Amino acid sequence: MLKNLLGVLEAAVVFGGLAGLVTGMYLLATSPLPGVVVMLASMAMLVSSVKKLGEAQEERHESDGGRERSSRSRAGSSEK
């Protein structure tokens, strides 16, 4: 349940970051300094979200690799 809620929260952060980028581009045309600040803040949100996604993917890959190695060793010992 908690993992699902965290996933929804991360998706909201990504959409917020994308909306911030679009808003920043609009503000860039009308008032450059706030536009740049909004775009930088949005990029920071997106980078932090991508970092979390990368870490989660790395942990997942490591745990899958461990399972794969152990299943290979069991398969090799049963064939002999």
C-alpha atoms as a PDB file:
ATOM      1  CA  MET A   1       0.000   0.000   0.000  1.00  0.00           C
ATOM      2  CA  LEU A   2       2.758   2.425   0.991  1.00  0.00           C
ATOM      3  CA  LYS A   3       4.795   1.618  -2.136  1.00  0.00           C
ATOM      4  CA  ASN A   4       1.774   2.357  -4.312  1.00  0.00           C
ATOM      5  CA  LEU A   5       1.262   5.674  -2.573  1.00  0.00           C
ATOM      6  CA  LEU A   6       4.916   6.591  -3.038  1.00  0.00           C
ATOM      7  CA  GLY A   7       4.665   5.697  -6.731  1.00  0.00           C
ATOM      8  CA  VAL A   8       1.658   7.977  -7.128  1.00  0.00           C
ATOM      9  CA  LEU A   9       3.530  10.733  -5.318  1.00  0.00           C
ATOM     10  CA  GLU A  10       6.537  10.358  -7.629  1.00  0.00           C
ATOM     11  CA  ALA A  11       4.253  10.484 -10.681  1.00  0.00           C
ATOM     12  CA  ALA A  12       2.714  13.691  -9.348  1.00  0.00           C
ATOM     13  CA  VAL A  13       6.190  15.178  -8.897  1.00  0.00           C
ATOM     14  CA  VAL A  14       7.078  14.308 -12.492  1.00  0.00           C
ATOM     15  CA  PHE A  15       3.899  15.879 -13.847  1.00  0.00           C
ATOM     16  CA  GLY A  16       4.477  18.917 -11.655  1.00  0.00           C
ATOM     17  CA  GLY A  17       8.004  19.226 -13.013  1.00  0.00           C
ATOM     18  CA  LEU A  18       6.787  19.019 -16.595  1.00  0.00           C
ATOM     19  CA  ALA A  19       4.066  21.597 -15.918  1.00  0.00           C
ATOM     20  CA  GLY A  20       6.704  23.819 -14.326  1.00  0.00           C
ATOM     21  CA  LEU A  21       8.873  23.574 -17.440  1.00  0.00           C
ATOM     22  CA  VAL A  22       5.981  24.612 -19.673  1.00  0.00           C
ATOM     23  CA  THR A  23       5.114  27.458 -17.301  1.00  0.00           C
ATOM     24  CA  GLY A  24       8.758  28.499 -17.230  1.00  0.00           C
ATOM     25  CA  MET A  25       8.884  28.643 -21.027  1.00  0.00           C
ATOM     26  CA  TYR A  26       5.808  30.861 -21.047  1.00  0.00           C
ATOM     27  CA  LEU A  27       7.287  33.111 -18.350  1.00  0.00           C
ATOM     28  CA  LEU A  28      10.562  33.223 -20.236  1.00  0.00           C
ATOM     29  CA  ALA A  29       8.803  35.119 -23.021  1.00  0.00           C
ATOM     30  CA  THR A  30       7.007  37.525 -20.690  1.00  0.00           C
ATOM     31  CA  SER A  31       9.448  38.012 -17.779  1.00  0.00           C
ATOM     32  CA  PRO A  32      12.808  36.255 -18.191  1.00  0.00           C
ATOM     33  CA  LEU A  33      14.122  36.097 -14.618  1.00  0.00           C
ATOM     34  CA  PRO A  34      11.091  34.367 -13.033  1.00  0.00           C
ATOM     35  CA  GLY A  35      10.918  32.103 -16.084  1.00  0.00           C
ATOM     36  CA  VAL A  36      14.502  30.958 -15.578  1.00  0.00           C
ATOM     37  CA  VAL A  37      13.944  30.399 -11.856  1.00  0.00           C
ATOM     38  CA  VAL A  38      10.784  28.345 -12.480  1.00  0.00           C
ATOM     39  CA  MET A  39      12.527  26.259 -15.135  1.00  0.00           C
ATOM     40  CA  LEU A  40      15.520  25.577 -12.887  1.00  0.00           C
ATOM     41  CA  ALA A  41      13.266  24.558 -10.004  1.00  0.00           C
ATOM     42  CA  SER A  42      11.296  22.256 -12.311  1.00  0.00           C
ATOM     43  CA  MET A  43      14.477  20.644 -13.605  1.00  0.00           C
ATOM     44  CA  ALA A  44      15.637  20.067 -10.025  1.00  0.00           C
ATOM     45  CA  MET A  45      12.347  18.306  -9.267  1.00  0.00           C
ATOM     46  CA  LEU A  46      12.713  16.118 -12.344  1.00  0.00           C
ATOM     47  CA  VAL A  47      16.359  15.263 -11.641  1.00  0.00           C
ATOM     48  CA  SER A  48      15.570  14.222  -8.067  1.00  0.00           C
ATOM     49  CA  SER A  49      12.734  12.041  -9.315  1.00  0.00           C
ATOM     50  CA  VAL A  50      14.947  10.421 -11.953  1.00  0.00           C
ATOM     51  CA  LYS A  51      17.617   9.803  -9.298  1.00  0.00           C
ATOM     52  CA  LYS A  52      15.111   7.968  -7.101  1.00  0.00           C
ATOM     53  CA  LEU A  53      13.912   5.946 -10.078  1.00  0.00           C
ATOM     54  CA  GLY A  54      17.482   4.989 -10.967  1.00  0.00           C
ATOM     55  CA  GLU A  55      18.237   3.888  -7.413  1.00  0.00           C
ATOM     56  CA  ALA A  56      15.083   1.793  -7.269  1.00  0.00           C
ATOM     57  CA  GLN A  57      15.883   0.209 -10.621  1.00  0.00           C
ATOM     58  CA  GLU A  58      19.430  -0.570  -9.443  1.00  0.00           C
ATOM     59  CA  GLU A  59      18.161  -2.259  -6.273  1.00  0.00           C
ATOM     60  CA  ARG A  60      15.648  -4.218  -8.299  1.00  0.00           C
ATOM     61  CA  HIS A  61      18.315  -5.331 -10.764  1.00  0.00           C
ATOM     62  CA  GLU A  62      20.638  -6.433  -7.964  1.00  0.00           C
ATOM     63  CA  SER A  63      17.925  -8.474  -6.250  1.00  0.00           C
ATOM     64  CA  ASP A  64      16.892 -10.093  -9.544  1.00  0.00           C
ATOM     65  CA  GLY A  65      20.520 -10.953 -10.278  1.00  0.00           C
ATOM     66  CA  GLY A  66      20.863 -12.739  -6.963  1.00  0.00           C
ATOM     67  CA  ARG A  67      17.774 -14.810  -7.652  1.00  0.00           C
ATOM     68  CA  GLU A  68      19.001 -15.609 -11.141  1.00  0.00           C
ATOM     69  CA  ARG A  69      22.393 -16.815  -9.881  1.00  0.00           C
ATOM     70  CA  SER A  70      20.854 -19.028  -7.227  1.00  0.00           C
ATOM     71  CA  SER A  71      18.374 -20.547  -9.665  1.00  0.00           C
ATOM     72  CA  ARG A  72      21.216 -21.254 -12.107  1.00  0.00           C
ATOM     73  CA  SER A  73      23.257 -22.995  -9.429  1.00  0.00           C
ATOM     74  CA  ARG A  74      20.253 -25.113  -8.435  1.00  0.00           C
ATOM     75  CA  ALA A  75      19.602 -25.993 -12.074  1.00  0.00           C
ATOM     76  CA  GLY A  76      23.256 -26.928 -12.583  1.00  0.00           C
ATOM     77  CA  SER A  77      23.350 -29.166  -9.522  1.00  0.00           C
ATOM     78  CA  SER A  78      20.157 -30.993 -10.504  1.00  0.00           C
ATOM     79  CA  GLU A  79      21.482 -31.757 -13.992  1.00  0.00           C
ATOM     80  CA  LYS A  80      24.607 -33.564 -12.722  1.00  0.00           C
END
